[in-house]
Amino acid sequence: MPAFAGIDHISLSVTDLDVSQQFYSEVLGFQFVVDFGYARFFIDRPSGFGLTLIRHAEGDGAPFTELHSGIDHIGLTAESRDELEAWERRLDEAGVTYTPIRDMPFGAHLNFRDPDNIPLEFMVPNAVWAEALQALQERDVSREEIDAFIAEHVGLTPAAG
């Protein structure tokens, strides 16, 4: 199988390029790069992650809903719990509605939405999850090992398949 090198960018359909540009630049810190008229490209300089905002002329203008097939949410990584808390303060200062930080089995999450109602999340993995992800990256891990890890740390039994 060919190698998968990572994620280059994500493109989001938006209703108003100016409003979305303001949110992604001023609230999340993406650097604006180029305007193609119908689309604008941004980059997160520290990670190199690219973001394209697209306004489709034939779009219906309805807000996003994760209840339709497609993307459920976009998960962004925070470096630490302190950084997650700093993001919570930043969202509060910017008037962005968010769900307070929640501790989950594999880390802490901060959930919020962009101007088109697209769900976004900052997540910082806890030590257990970070170690598990590192193991998955560095070596072949058997299905049995994965199932045992999930059962031990989440309490879920593996589904058939």
C-alpha atoms as a PDB file:
ATOM      1  CA  MET A   1       0.000   0.000   0.000  1.00  0.00           C
ATOM      2  CA  PRO A   2       1.356   3.487  -0.745  1.00  0.00           C
ATOM      3  CA  ALA A   3       2.411   5.558   2.264  1.00  0.00           C
ATOM      4  CA  PHE A   4       0.140   8.204   3.717  1.00  0.00           C
ATOM      5  CA  ALA A   5       2.348  11.151   4.679  1.00  0.00           C
ATOM      6  CA  GLY A   6      -0.166  13.152   6.728  1.00  0.00           C
ATOM      7  CA  ILE A   7      -2.879  15.739   6.249  1.00  0.00           C
ATOM      8  CA  ASP A   8      -1.990  18.646   3.972  1.00  0.00           C
ATOM      9  CA  HIS A   9      -5.115  20.747   4.334  1.00  0.00           C
ATOM     10  CA  ILE A  10      -8.831  20.710   4.838  1.00  0.00           C
ATOM     11  CA  SER A  11     -11.366  22.697   2.833  1.00  0.00           C
ATOM     12  CA  LEU A  12     -14.541  23.997   4.436  1.00  0.00           C
ATOM     13  CA  SER A  13     -17.618  25.280   2.640  1.00  0.00           C
ATOM     14  CA  VAL A  14     -18.708  28.547   4.245  1.00  0.00           C
ATOM     15  CA  THR A  15     -21.504  31.045   3.705  1.00  0.00           C
ATOM     16  CA  ASP A  16     -19.455  34.252   4.088  1.00  0.00           C
ATOM     17  CA  LEU A  17     -15.735  34.344   3.279  1.00  0.00           C
ATOM     18  CA  ASP A  18     -15.135  37.596   5.166  1.00  0.00           C
ATOM     19  CA  VAL A  19     -16.808  36.413   8.379  1.00  0.00           C
ATOM     20  CA  SER A  20     -15.026  33.060   8.223  1.00  0.00           C
ATOM     21  CA  GLN A  21     -11.683  34.694   7.452  1.00  0.00           C
ATOM     22  CA  GLN A  22     -12.062  36.918  10.489  1.00  0.00           C
ATOM     23  CA  PHE A  23     -12.847  33.911  12.719  1.00  0.00           C
ATOM     24  CA  TYR A  24     -10.038  31.661  11.498  1.00  0.00           C
ATOM     25  CA  SER A  25      -7.465  34.497  11.422  1.00  0.00           C
ATOM     26  CA  GLU A  26      -8.363  36.530  14.487  1.00  0.00           C
ATOM     27  CA  VAL A  27      -9.694  33.816  16.797  1.00  0.00           C
ATOM     28  CA  LEU A  28      -7.619  30.779  15.795  1.00  0.00           C
ATOM     29  CA  GLY A  29      -4.533  32.554  14.425  1.00  0.00           C
ATOM     30  CA  PHE A  30      -4.410  31.117  10.898  1.00  0.00           C
ATOM     31  CA  GLN A  31      -2.326  33.251   8.528  1.00  0.00           C
ATOM     32  CA  PHE A  32      -4.116  34.362   5.357  1.00  0.00           C
ATOM     33  CA  VAL A  33      -2.129  33.403   2.239  1.00  0.00           C
ATOM     34  CA  VAL A  34      -4.160  33.901  -0.949  1.00  0.00           C
ATOM     35  CA  ASP A  35      -7.651  34.847  -2.173  1.00  0.00           C
ATOM     36  CA  PHE A  36      -8.881  33.000  -5.274  1.00  0.00           C
ATOM     37  CA  GLY A  37     -12.184  34.903  -5.295  1.00  0.00           C
ATOM     38  CA  TYR A  38     -14.379  31.924  -4.424  1.00  0.00           C
ATOM     39  CA  ALA A  39     -11.840  30.443  -1.981  1.00  0.00           C
ATOM     40  CA  ARG A  40      -9.212  31.649   0.463  1.00  0.00           C
ATOM     41  CA  PHE A  41      -6.223  29.677   1.687  1.00  0.00           C
ATOM     42  CA  PHE A  42      -4.700  29.961   5.175  1.00  0.00           C
ATOM     43  CA  ILE A  43      -1.890  28.248   7.036  1.00  0.00           C
ATOM     44  CA  ASP A  44      -1.198  27.513  10.662  1.00  0.00           C
ATOM     45  CA  ARG A  45       2.475  28.451  10.653  1.00  0.00           C
ATOM     46  CA  PRO A  46       3.644  26.333  13.615  1.00  0.00           C
ATOM     47  CA  SER A  47       2.163  23.075  12.286  1.00  0.00           C
ATOM     48  CA  GLY A  48       2.088  23.775   8.537  1.00  0.00           C
ATOM     49  CA  PHE A  49      -1.571  22.733   8.447  1.00  0.00           C
ATOM     50  CA  GLY A  50      -3.488  24.330   5.572  1.00  0.00           C
ATOM     51  CA  LEU A  51      -7.086  25.508   5.613  1.00  0.00           C
ATOM     52  CA  THR A  52      -9.141  26.503   2.598  1.00  0.00           C
ATOM     53  CA  LEU A  53     -12.432  28.334   2.991  1.00  0.00           C
ATOM     54  CA  ILE A  54     -14.705  28.033  -0.035  1.00  0.00           C
ATOM     55  CA  ARG A  55     -17.900  29.922  -0.847  1.00  0.00           C
ATOM     56  CA  HIS A  56     -19.891  27.950  -3.413  1.00  0.00           C
ATOM     57  CA  ALA A  57     -22.141  30.204  -5.504  1.00  0.00           C
ATOM     58  CA  GLU A  58     -24.752  27.436  -5.645  1.00  0.00           C
ATOM     59  CA  GLY A  59     -24.584  26.803  -1.888  1.00  0.00           C
ATOM     60  CA  ASP A  60     -27.874  26.907  -0.018  1.00  0.00           C
ATOM     61  CA  GLY A  61     -26.563  29.121   2.810  1.00  0.00           C
ATOM     62  CA  ALA A  62     -27.845  26.762   5.509  1.00  0.00           C
ATOM     63  CA  PRO A  63     -25.674  26.320   8.591  1.00  0.00           C
ATOM     64  CA  PHE A  64     -23.612  23.162   8.900  1.00  0.00           C
ATOM     65  CA  THR A  65     -25.042  20.172  10.727  1.00  0.00           C
ATOM     66  CA  GLU A  66     -23.107  17.067  11.692  1.00  0.00           C
ATOM     67  CA  LEU A  67     -26.370  15.134  11.340  1.00  0.00           C
ATOM     68  CA  HIS A  68     -25.788  14.878   7.570  1.00  0.00           C
ATOM     69  CA  SER A  69     -23.252  12.420   6.219  1.00  0.00           C
ATOM     70  CA  GLY A  70     -19.780  13.898   5.970  1.00  0.00           C
ATOM     71  CA  ILE A  71     -17.482  15.450   8.530  1.00  0.00           C
ATOM     72  CA  ASP A  72     -18.657  15.304  12.135  1.00  0.00           C
ATOM     73  CA  HIS A  73     -16.063  17.701  13.553  1.00  0.00           C
ATOM     74  CA  ILE A  74     -12.464  18.793  13.128  1.00  0.00           C
ATOM     75  CA  GLY A  75     -10.114  17.864  15.957  1.00  0.00           C
ATOM     76  CA  LEU A  76      -7.116  20.107  16.539  1.00  0.00           C
ATOM     77  CA  THR A  77      -4.299  19.222  18.918  1.00  0.00           C
ATOM     78  CA  ALA A  78      -3.319  21.268  21.945  1.00  0.00           C
ATOM     79  CA  GLU A  79       0.138  20.736  23.457  1.00  0.00           C
ATOM     80  CA  SER A  80      -0.902  20.665  27.120  1.00  0.00           C
ATOM     81  CA  ARG A  81      -3.755  21.160  29.561  1.00  0.00           C
ATOM     82  CA  ASP A  82      -2.428  24.699  30.195  1.00  0.00           C
ATOM     83  CA  GLU A  83      -2.640  25.438  26.467  1.00  0.00           C
ATOM     84  CA  LEU A  84      -6.173  24.047  26.390  1.00  0.00           C
ATOM     85  CA  GLU A  85      -7.098  26.389  29.232  1.00  0.00           C
ATOM     86  CA  ALA A  86      -5.490  29.295  27.351  1.00  0.00           C
ATOM     87  CA  TRP A  87      -7.645  28.422  24.325  1.00  0.00           C
ATOM     88  CA  GLU A  88     -10.720  28.405  26.562  1.00  0.00           C
ATOM     89  CA  ARG A  89      -9.843  31.938  27.740  1.00  0.00           C
ATOM     90  CA  ARG A  90      -9.182  33.022  24.130  1.00  0.00           C
ATOM     91  CA  LEU A  91     -12.565  31.731  22.957  1.00  0.00           C
ATOM     92  CA  ASP A  92     -14.246  33.450  25.891  1.00  0.00           C
ATOM     93  CA  GLU A  93     -12.512  36.760  25.076  1.00  0.00           C
ATOM     94  CA  ALA A  94     -13.552  36.439  21.416  1.00  0.00           C
ATOM     95  CA  GLY A  95     -17.190  35.791  22.339  1.00  0.00           C
ATOM     96  CA  VAL A  96     -17.149  32.270  20.898  1.00  0.00           C
ATOM     97  CA  THR A  97     -19.600  29.836  22.472  1.00  0.00           C
ATOM     98  CA  TYR A  98     -17.851  26.700  23.685  1.00  0.00           C
ATOM     99  CA  THR A  99     -18.349  23.683  25.897  1.00  0.00           C
ATOM    100  CA  PRO A 100     -16.038  23.935  28.910  1.00  0.00           C
ATOM    101  CA  ILE A 101     -13.075  21.572  28.962  1.00  0.00           C
ATOM    102  CA  ARG A 102     -14.150  17.991  29.534  1.00  0.00           C
ATOM    103  CA  ASP A 103     -11.915  15.176  30.681  1.00  0.00           C
ATOM    104  CA  MET A 104     -12.537  12.037  28.671  1.00  0.00           C
ATOM    105  CA  PRO A 105     -10.930   8.559  28.766  1.00  0.00           C
ATOM    106  CA  PHE A 106      -8.123   9.542  26.382  1.00  0.00           C
ATOM    107  CA  GLY A 107      -7.643  13.231  27.152  1.00  0.00           C
ATOM    108  CA  ALA A 108      -9.239  16.614  27.621  1.00  0.00           C
ATOM    109  CA  HIS A 109     -11.463  18.248  24.995  1.00  0.00           C
ATOM    110  CA  LEU A 110     -12.614  21.809  24.364  1.00  0.00           C
ATOM    111  CA  ASN A 111     -15.451  22.010  21.820  1.00  0.00           C
ATOM    112  CA  PHE A 112     -16.705  25.078  19.929  1.00  0.00           C
ATOM    113  CA  ARG A 113     -18.173  26.076  16.547  1.00  0.00           C
ATOM    114  CA  ASP A 114     -17.185  28.414  13.760  1.00  0.00           C
ATOM    115  CA  PRO A 115     -19.549  31.042  12.262  1.00  0.00           C
ATOM    116  CA  ASP A 116     -21.120  28.397   9.981  1.00  0.00           C
ATOM    117  CA  ASN A 117     -21.764  26.070  12.928  1.00  0.00           C
ATOM    118  CA  ILE A 118     -18.905  23.725  11.929  1.00  0.00           C
ATOM    119  CA  PRO A 119     -17.863  21.879  15.094  1.00  0.00           C
ATOM    120  CA  LEU A 120     -14.231  22.233  16.097  1.00  0.00           C
ATOM    121  CA  GLU A 121     -12.370  20.721  19.010  1.00  0.00           C
ATOM    122  CA  PHE A 122      -9.059  21.212  20.736  1.00  0.00           C
ATOM    123  CA  MET A 123      -7.839  18.012  22.349  1.00  0.00           C
ATOM    124  CA  VAL A 124      -4.834  17.231  24.495  1.00  0.00           C
ATOM    125  CA  PRO A 125      -4.177  13.521  24.923  1.00  0.00           C
ATOM    126  CA  ASN A 126      -3.529  12.173  28.395  1.00  0.00           C
ATOM    127  CA  ALA A 127      -0.393  10.126  29.099  1.00  0.00           C
ATOM    128  CA  VAL A 128      -2.150   6.789  28.499  1.00  0.00           C
ATOM    129  CA  TRP A 129      -3.473   7.814  25.081  1.00  0.00           C
ATOM    130  CA  ALA A 130      -0.216   9.517  24.045  1.00  0.00           C
ATOM    131  CA  GLU A 131       1.676   6.315  24.864  1.00  0.00           C
ATOM    132  CA  ALA A 132      -0.847   4.208  22.939  1.00  0.00           C
ATOM    133  CA  LEU A 133      -0.646   6.454  19.877  1.00  0.00           C
ATOM    134  CA  GLN A 134       3.137   6.330  19.974  1.00  0.00           C
ATOM    135  CA  ALA A 135       3.055   2.525  20.098  1.00  0.00           C
ATOM    136  CA  LEU A 136       0.686   2.440  17.116  1.00  0.00           C
ATOM    137  CA  GLN A 137       3.055   4.668  15.152  1.00  0.00           C
ATOM    138  CA  GLU A 138       6.254   2.831  16.046  1.00  0.00           C
ATOM    139  CA  ARG A 139       5.353  -0.848  15.758  1.00  0.00           C
ATOM    140  CA  ASP A 140       2.798  -3.315  14.494  1.00  0.00           C
ATOM    141  CA  VAL A 141       0.196  -3.707  17.225  1.00  0.00           C
ATOM    142  CA  SER A 142      -2.053  -6.733  17.089  1.00  0.00           C
ATOM    143  CA  ARG A 143      -5.818  -6.461  17.060  1.00  0.00           C
ATOM    144  CA  GLU A 144      -5.822  -8.357  20.363  1.00  0.00           C
ATOM    145  CA  GLU A 145      -3.509  -5.757  21.974  1.00  0.00           C
ATOM    146  CA  ILE A 146      -5.710  -2.938  20.738  1.00  0.00           C
ATOM    147  CA  ASP A 147      -8.900  -4.619  21.973  1.00  0.00           C
ATOM    148  CA  ALA A 148      -7.321  -5.304  25.400  1.00  0.00           C
ATOM    149  CA  PHE A 149      -6.183  -1.674  25.674  1.00  0.00           C
ATOM    150  CA  ILE A 150      -9.651  -0.354  24.817  1.00  0.00           C
ATOM    151  CA  ALA A 151     -11.327  -2.766  27.254  1.00  0.00           C
ATOM    152  CA  GLU A 152      -8.933  -1.791  30.063  1.00  0.00           C
ATOM    153  CA  HIS A 153      -9.020   1.986  29.579  1.00  0.00           C
ATOM    154  CA  VAL A 154     -12.507   2.623  28.212  1.00  0.00           C
ATOM    155  CA  GLY A 155     -14.456  -0.413  29.287  1.00  0.00           C
ATOM    156  CA  LEU A 156     -15.668  -1.243  25.796  1.00  0.00           C
ATOM    157  CA  THR A 157     -15.585  -4.758  24.423  1.00  0.00           C
ATOM    158  CA  PRO A 158     -14.503  -5.122  20.809  1.00  0.00           C
ATOM    159  CA  ALA A 159     -17.177  -5.181  18.151  1.00  0.00           C
ATOM    160  CA  ALA A 160     -17.175  -7.934  15.572  1.00  0.00           C
ATOM    161  CA  GLY A 161     -15.615  -6.893  12.323  1.00  0.00           C
END
